[in-house]
Amino acid sequence: MHILILGGTGFLGRHLTERALARGWRVTHFNRGKTNPGLYEGITELRGDRTRGLDALEGRSFDSVIDTSGYLPRDAEASATFLKPRAPHYVFVSSISAYAEGEGEEGGAITEKSALAPWDPGLDELDAVTPETYGALKAECERRVQKVYGDGALIIRPGLIVGRYDPTGRFSYWPQRFRKGGKIVVPARTYAPVQIIDAYDLAAWTLDLCGKRAGGVFNGTGPARAFTLGELFDALMPLAPEGTELVPLSDEVLLEHKVTPWTGLPLWLPESANADRMMCADLAKPLAAGLTLRPLKETVADILGEIDETGAFAAGTSLTEDQERQILAAL
């Protein structure tokens, strides 16, 4: 099996590469060479900027393409069009965010048949992605890849991807913070649902589907029953030193202290954002298609193991010690 990864050296791409090499597959990367160049031996690395074309891939063929770096529809469409004669199978890594606002509310989970975010042709002029445009852009990328590849297109809509190599700190913040102990600022709305997927599990399942040349659309997150923030914190408490104290703060207090939802305090969104639906995706279809999920404790162990190995942690824009101290002092 020979796969082409558009990207391949960031987060999910690294897991895909490692899992594919472990299976004895051939791997080719196409990217700009700006993130971890030369990271893996035994693969082919081709350089280029997909926004300017895929000329470096001329004369090559692949069993499957995995697109981990498609954000703008025109780029996704151009890549699919160029690669259609060179690969019979195209995997587009989309997002749960591609669903239309309001889908899955009133107790109904988001399924693969739920409506996607509507498309505004004016967005085709964008050169950058924002939190406001991300979902609509991913949805349109899907449509254009499917238009080119038809049944040869596999669309995977992951939820929050976590685990080793995550540069964002969107989940990793919590295991590290609990292990440090002390007074920990947490959202008071601990009943909010949480769904995540370890990049290790997502990569393994994606490759399984590539091996079958599976087509169609699949949600990609877990677990089947969303746990809550409170259950997550309970699971992390064994990491904490004696005397650790959780300090639950309301949405209003967190916003008053200018804590940025989602990034400033990972997994937290104000109730007014009406975003709990994004953490309640239906997983019947992916589980039936072979998706398996490791226990949370294994994901946490991987994250903390990487921190211990590297001596560094990419906290993204999460709360710093000083910010948390200032909030606690003001209470």
Protein backbone atom coordinates (compact mmCIF):
# COMPACT_ATOMS: atom_id res chain seq x y z
CA MET A 1 0.00 0.00 0.00
CA HIS A 2 1.39 3.40 -1.00
CA ILE A 3 -0.19 6.48 0.54
CA LEU A 4 0.34 10.16 -0.13
CA ILE A 5 -0.17 12.51 2.81
CA LEU A 6 -0.73 16.18 2.03
CA GLY A 7 0.99 17.45 5.16
CA GLY A 8 2.31 14.62 7.29
CA THR A 9 4.66 16.18 9.81
CA GLY A 10 2.39 18.15 12.13
CA PHE A 11 -0.03 16.41 14.47
CA LEU A 12 -2.40 13.88 12.90
CA GLY A 13 -0.01 13.51 9.97
CA ARG A 14 2.72 12.23 12.25
CA HIS A 15 0.43 9.58 13.70
CA LEU A 16 -0.66 8.55 10.20
CA THR A 17 2.95 8.30 9.09
CA GLU A 18 4.05 6.25 12.09
CA ARG A 19 1.09 3.88 11.92
CA ALA A 20 1.54 3.41 8.15
CA LEU A 21 5.26 2.68 8.45
CA ALA A 22 4.52 0.19 11.24
CA ARG A 23 2.28 -1.65 8.76
CA GLY A 24 5.04 -1.78 6.18
CA TRP A 25 3.31 0.69 3.86
CA ARG A 26 5.10 3.14 1.58
CA VAL A 27 4.58 6.79 2.55
CA THR A 28 5.09 9.96 0.56
CA HIS A 29 4.72 13.43 2.06
CA PHE A 30 3.92 16.55 0.08
CA ASN A 31 4.37 19.73 2.09
CA ARG A 32 6.29 22.98 2.32
CA GLY A 33 8.98 21.54 4.56
CA LYS A 34 8.38 24.09 7.30
CA THR A 35 7.29 21.72 10.10
CA ASN A 36 9.66 18.97 11.25
CA PRO A 37 11.41 18.40 7.89
CA GLY A 38 13.39 15.18 7.68
CA LEU A 39 11.56 13.75 10.68
CA TYR A 40 11.16 10.22 9.31
CA GLU A 41 13.52 7.89 7.51
CA GLY A 42 12.26 5.62 4.79
CA ILE A 43 9.68 7.96 3.31
CA THR A 44 9.64 10.16 0.23
CA GLU A 45 9.42 13.88 0.94
CA LEU A 46 8.29 16.15 -1.88
CA ARG A 47 8.27 19.89 -1.45
CA GLY A 48 5.72 22.37 -2.68
CA ASP A 49 2.94 24.74 -1.74
CA ARG A 50 -0.45 23.25 -2.60
CA THR A 51 -1.86 26.72 -3.22
CA ARG A 52 0.51 26.99 -6.18
CA GLY A 53 0.10 23.49 -7.55
CA LEU A 54 1.25 19.91 -7.05
CA ASP A 55 3.83 19.75 -9.81
CA ALA A 56 6.26 17.76 -7.65
CA LEU A 57 3.79 14.86 -7.83
CA GLU A 58 3.82 14.71 -11.62
CA GLY A 59 4.47 11.20 -12.93
CA ARG A 60 3.70 9.48 -9.61
CA SER A 61 0.81 7.29 -8.52
CA PHE A 62 -0.62 6.24 -5.17
CA ASP A 63 -3.18 3.85 -3.72
CA SER A 64 -4.70 6.51 -1.49
CA VAL A 65 -4.33 10.20 -0.70
CA ILE A 66 -4.91 11.56 2.81
CA ASP A 67 -5.49 15.30 2.89
CA THR A 68 -4.77 16.62 6.39
CA SER A 69 -4.10 20.20 5.29
CA GLY A 70 -7.16 21.23 3.26
CA TYR A 71 -8.83 24.37 4.59
CA LEU A 72 -9.75 26.44 1.54
CA PRO A 73 -12.21 24.91 -0.97
CA ARG A 74 -10.33 26.04 -4.06
CA ASP A 75 -7.18 24.30 -2.79
CA ALA A 76 -9.02 21.09 -1.91
CA GLU A 77 -10.72 21.05 -5.31
CA ALA A 78 -7.46 21.70 -7.18
CA SER A 79 -5.68 18.93 -5.28
CA ALA A 80 -8.47 16.43 -5.88
CA THR A 81 -8.63 17.30 -9.58
CA PHE A 82 -4.87 16.92 -10.02
CA LEU A 83 -4.71 13.64 -8.10
CA LYS A 84 -7.80 11.92 -9.53
CA PRO A 85 -5.84 10.32 -12.42
CA ARG A 86 -3.02 9.40 -10.02
CA ALA A 87 -4.88 7.88 -7.06
CA PRO A 88 -8.26 6.07 -6.94
CA HIS A 89 -8.99 6.99 -3.33
CA TYR A 90 -9.01 10.40 -1.59
CA VAL A 91 -9.43 10.89 2.17
CA PHE A 92 -10.40 14.38 3.23
CA VAL A 93 -9.99 15.12 6.94
CA SER A 94 -12.82 17.53 7.66
CA SER A 95 -14.31 18.50 11.04
CA ILE A 96 -17.37 18.18 13.26
CA SER A 97 -17.48 21.96 12.84
CA ALA A 98 -18.68 21.43 9.25
CA TYR A 99 -22.23 20.84 10.52
CA ALA A 100 -24.77 23.64 10.31
CA GLU A 101 -25.53 25.64 13.41
CA GLY A 102 -28.52 24.18 15.22
CA GLU A 103 -28.00 20.62 14.02
CA GLY A 104 -28.23 18.02 16.76
CA GLU A 105 -30.08 20.20 19.25
CA GLU A 106 -33.09 19.24 21.39
CA GLY A 107 -31.60 15.92 22.40
CA GLY A 108 -30.79 14.69 18.91
CA ALA A 109 -27.16 13.78 18.24
CA ILE A 110 -25.35 14.94 15.12
CA THR A 111 -25.27 12.18 12.52
CA GLU A 112 -23.54 12.00 9.18
CA LYS A 113 -26.88 12.96 7.58
CA SER A 114 -27.20 16.21 9.54
CA ALA A 115 -27.09 19.38 7.44
CA LEU A 116 -23.76 21.03 6.70
CA ALA A 117 -22.93 24.68 7.14
CA PRO A 118 -24.27 26.70 4.18
CA TRP A 119 -21.87 28.04 1.62
CA ASP A 120 -21.35 31.70 0.78
CA PRO A 121 -19.51 32.02 -2.56
CA GLY A 122 -17.88 35.18 -1.24
CA LEU A 123 -15.78 33.01 1.07
CA ASP A 124 -13.88 31.73 -1.97
CA GLU A 125 -11.92 34.98 -1.91
CA LEU A 126 -10.50 34.29 1.54
CA ASP A 127 -6.79 33.65 1.98
CA ALA A 128 -7.06 32.77 5.67
CA VAL A 129 -9.33 30.78 7.95
CA THR A 130 -11.02 32.25 11.02
CA PRO A 131 -13.03 30.57 13.80
CA GLU A 132 -16.14 32.08 12.19
CA THR A 133 -15.46 30.73 8.69
CA TYR A 134 -13.75 27.44 9.54
CA GLY A 135 -16.86 25.23 9.56
CA ALA A 136 -18.34 26.56 6.32
CA LEU A 137 -14.98 26.27 4.56
CA LYS A 138 -14.50 22.66 5.66
CA ALA A 139 -18.03 21.78 4.54
CA GLU A 140 -17.43 23.23 1.09
CA CYS A 141 -14.06 21.46 0.84
CA GLU A 142 -15.98 18.22 1.39
CA ARG A 143 -18.48 19.00 -1.35
CA ARG A 144 -15.78 19.79 -3.90
CA VAL A 145 -13.71 16.70 -3.13
CA GLN A 146 -16.83 14.55 -3.44
CA LYS A 147 -17.72 16.22 -6.74
CA VAL A 148 -14.35 15.20 -8.17
CA TYR A 149 -13.96 11.75 -6.58
CA GLY A 150 -17.52 10.53 -6.16
CA ASP A 151 -17.56 7.13 -4.45
CA GLY A 152 -13.77 7.25 -4.21
CA ALA A 153 -13.97 10.06 -1.64
CA LEU A 154 -13.81 9.30 2.07
CA ILE A 155 -14.79 12.18 4.35
CA ILE A 156 -13.89 11.94 8.03
CA ARG A 157 -15.26 14.57 10.43
CA PRO A 158 -13.17 14.42 13.59
CA GLY A 159 -14.14 16.08 16.83
CA LEU A 160 -11.40 17.49 19.05
CA ILE A 161 -8.21 15.57 18.22
CA VAL A 162 -5.93 15.07 21.24
CA GLY A 163 -2.83 13.15 22.24
CA ARG A 164 0.90 13.07 21.61
CA TYR A 165 2.30 15.76 19.25
CA ASP A 166 -0.66 18.13 19.84
CA PRO A 167 0.79 21.66 19.45
CA THR A 168 -2.32 23.46 20.70
CA GLY A 169 -2.77 22.47 24.35
CA ARG A 170 -6.55 22.29 23.77
CA PHE A 171 -6.72 19.15 25.89
CA SER A 172 -3.16 18.55 27.08
CA TYR A 173 -3.47 21.54 29.38
CA TRP A 174 -5.64 19.58 31.80
CA PRO A 175 -3.41 16.53 32.53
CA GLN A 176 -0.43 18.84 33.01
CA ARG A 177 -2.38 21.25 35.19
CA PHE A 178 -3.78 18.52 37.45
CA ARG A 179 -0.34 16.98 37.89
CA LYS A 180 0.95 20.34 39.04
CA GLY A 181 -1.77 20.64 41.67
CA GLY A 182 -2.65 23.61 43.89
CA LYS A 183 -5.80 25.60 43.30
CA ILE A 184 -7.10 24.84 39.81
CA VAL A 185 -9.59 27.12 38.05
CA VAL A 186 -12.24 24.99 36.36
CA PRO A 187 -15.58 25.80 34.70
CA ALA A 188 -18.52 25.51 37.09
CA ARG A 189 -20.62 23.94 34.34
CA THR A 190 -19.07 20.52 34.89
CA TYR A 191 -22.07 18.78 33.36
CA ALA A 192 -21.07 20.02 29.89
CA PRO A 193 -20.48 17.07 27.50
CA VAL A 194 -17.04 16.21 26.17
CA GLN A 195 -16.07 14.13 23.15
CA ILE A 196 -12.47 13.75 22.00
CA ILE A 197 -10.44 11.37 19.85
CA ASP A 198 -6.84 10.34 20.32
CA ALA A 199 -4.88 11.01 17.14
CA TYR A 200 -3.39 7.53 17.53
CA ASP A 201 -6.86 5.95 17.25
CA LEU A 202 -7.98 8.26 14.46
CA ALA A 203 -4.88 7.50 12.41
CA ALA A 204 -5.17 3.73 12.84
CA TRP A 205 -8.83 3.74 11.83
CA THR A 206 -8.22 6.05 8.87
CA LEU A 207 -5.58 3.66 7.55
CA ASP A 208 -7.93 0.72 8.03
CA LEU A 209 -10.46 2.51 5.82
CA CYS A 210 -7.76 3.35 3.28
CA GLY A 211 -6.86 -0.32 3.06
CA LYS A 212 -10.48 -1.06 2.15
CA ARG A 213 -10.76 1.99 -0.13
CA ALA A 214 -13.86 2.88 1.83
CA GLY A 215 -15.96 5.82 0.67
CA GLY A 216 -18.65 7.94 2.24
CA VAL A 217 -18.83 10.14 5.31
CA PHE A 218 -18.01 9.28 8.92
CA ASN A 219 -17.96 11.18 12.19
CA GLY A 220 -14.68 10.62 13.97
CA THR A 221 -14.69 11.23 17.71
CA GLY A 222 -15.50 9.43 20.95
CA PRO A 223 -16.57 7.95 23.21
CA ALA A 224 -20.00 6.78 22.05
CA ARG A 225 -21.52 8.34 25.17
CA ALA A 226 -20.00 11.74 25.77
CA PHE A 227 -18.50 12.06 29.23
CA THR A 228 -18.74 15.33 31.15
CA LEU A 229 -16.15 17.86 32.22
CA GLY A 230 -16.77 16.70 35.77
CA GLU A 231 -16.06 13.09 34.83
CA LEU A 232 -12.88 14.21 33.08
CA PHE A 233 -11.72 16.07 36.18
CA ASP A 234 -12.52 13.06 38.36
CA ALA A 235 -10.41 10.88 36.06
CA LEU A 236 -7.49 13.31 36.32
CA MET A 237 -7.58 13.79 40.09
CA PRO A 238 -5.36 10.73 40.78
CA LEU A 239 -2.58 12.68 39.02
CA ALA A 240 -2.87 15.58 41.45
CA PRO A 241 -0.77 15.93 44.60
CA GLU A 242 -2.46 15.91 47.98
CA GLY A 243 -4.19 19.18 48.81
CA THR A 244 -5.18 19.99 45.24
CA GLU A 245 -8.37 22.03 45.16
CA LEU A 246 -10.72 22.70 42.24
CA VAL A 247 -12.10 26.24 42.08
CA PRO A 248 -15.25 26.19 39.90
CA LEU A 249 -16.07 29.51 38.29
CA SER A 250 -19.22 30.47 36.39
CA ASP A 251 -19.29 31.52 32.76
CA GLU A 252 -19.89 35.09 33.88
CA VAL A 253 -16.85 35.18 36.16
CA LEU A 254 -14.57 33.62 33.58
CA LEU A 255 -15.69 36.08 30.92
CA GLU A 256 -15.33 38.97 33.37
CA HIS A 257 -11.68 37.98 33.79
CA LYS A 258 -11.27 37.87 30.00
CA VAL A 259 -10.70 34.13 29.81
CA THR A 260 -11.02 33.15 26.16
CA PRO A 261 -13.57 30.36 25.63
CA TRP A 262 -12.19 27.08 24.33
CA THR A 263 -8.56 28.20 24.08
CA GLY A 264 -8.05 30.18 27.27
CA LEU A 265 -9.60 27.39 29.34
CA PRO A 266 -9.63 24.26 27.18
CA LEU A 267 -12.94 22.48 26.60
CA TRP A 268 -14.88 25.37 28.16
CA LEU A 269 -17.52 27.20 26.16
CA PRO A 270 -20.16 29.44 27.77
CA GLU A 271 -23.63 27.99 27.85
CA SER A 272 -24.76 30.98 25.78
CA ALA A 273 -22.59 29.70 22.90
CA ASN A 274 -25.05 26.78 22.52
CA ALA A 275 -22.16 24.58 21.41
CA ASP A 276 -22.79 21.44 23.49
CA ARG A 277 -24.23 19.82 20.35
CA MET A 278 -20.72 19.69 18.89
CA MET A 279 -19.78 17.31 21.70
CA CYS A 280 -22.68 14.91 21.10
CA ALA A 281 -21.94 13.33 17.73
CA ASP A 282 -23.52 9.98 16.94
CA LEU A 283 -20.88 7.27 16.50
CA ALA A 284 -22.97 4.31 15.36
CA LYS A 285 -21.60 4.44 11.82
CA PRO A 286 -17.87 4.80 12.63
CA LEU A 287 -18.02 2.15 15.36
CA ALA A 288 -19.70 -0.23 12.92
CA ALA A 289 -16.88 0.58 10.47
CA GLY A 290 -14.21 -0.52 12.96
CA LEU A 291 -13.35 2.59 14.95
CA THR A 292 -11.79 1.54 18.26
CA LEU A 293 -10.91 3.90 21.08
CA ARG A 294 -8.21 3.46 23.69
CA PRO A 295 -9.03 4.22 27.33
CA LEU A 296 -8.62 7.85 28.39
CA LYS A 297 -5.84 6.90 30.80
CA GLU A 298 -3.68 5.73 27.87
CA THR A 299 -4.15 9.03 26.06
CA VAL A 300 -3.25 10.95 29.23
CA ALA A 301 -0.18 8.74 29.76
CA ASP A 302 0.98 9.46 26.19
CA ILE A 303 0.58 13.20 26.69
CA LEU A 304 2.45 13.29 29.99
CA GLY A 305 5.10 10.94 28.62
CA GLU A 306 5.81 13.34 25.76
CA ILE A 307 6.06 16.26 28.18
CA ASP A 308 8.51 14.32 30.33
CA GLU A 309 10.58 13.23 27.32
CA THR A 310 10.86 16.65 25.71
CA GLY A 311 10.81 18.84 28.82
CA ALA A 312 8.44 21.15 26.98
CA PHE A 313 4.73 21.69 26.68
CA ALA A 314 2.93 23.60 23.96
CA ALA A 315 0.27 25.39 25.99
CA GLY A 316 -1.12 27.32 23.06
CA THR A 317 -3.13 30.22 24.45
CA SER A 318 -4.27 28.44 27.62
CA LEU A 319 -4.18 30.12 31.01
CA THR A 320 -0.69 30.85 32.29
CA GLU A 321 0.25 30.46 35.94
CA ASP A 322 0.23 34.25 36.36
CA GLN A 323 -3.22 34.60 34.78
CA GLU A 324 -4.68 31.88 36.99
CA ARG A 325 -3.05 33.40 40.07
CA GLN A 326 -4.53 36.81 39.27
CA ILE A 327 -8.00 35.34 38.83
CA LEU A 328 -7.79 33.48 42.13
CA ALA A 329 -6.49 36.55 43.94
CA ALA A 330 -9.44 38.61 42.69
CA LEU A 331 -12.06 36.22 44.01
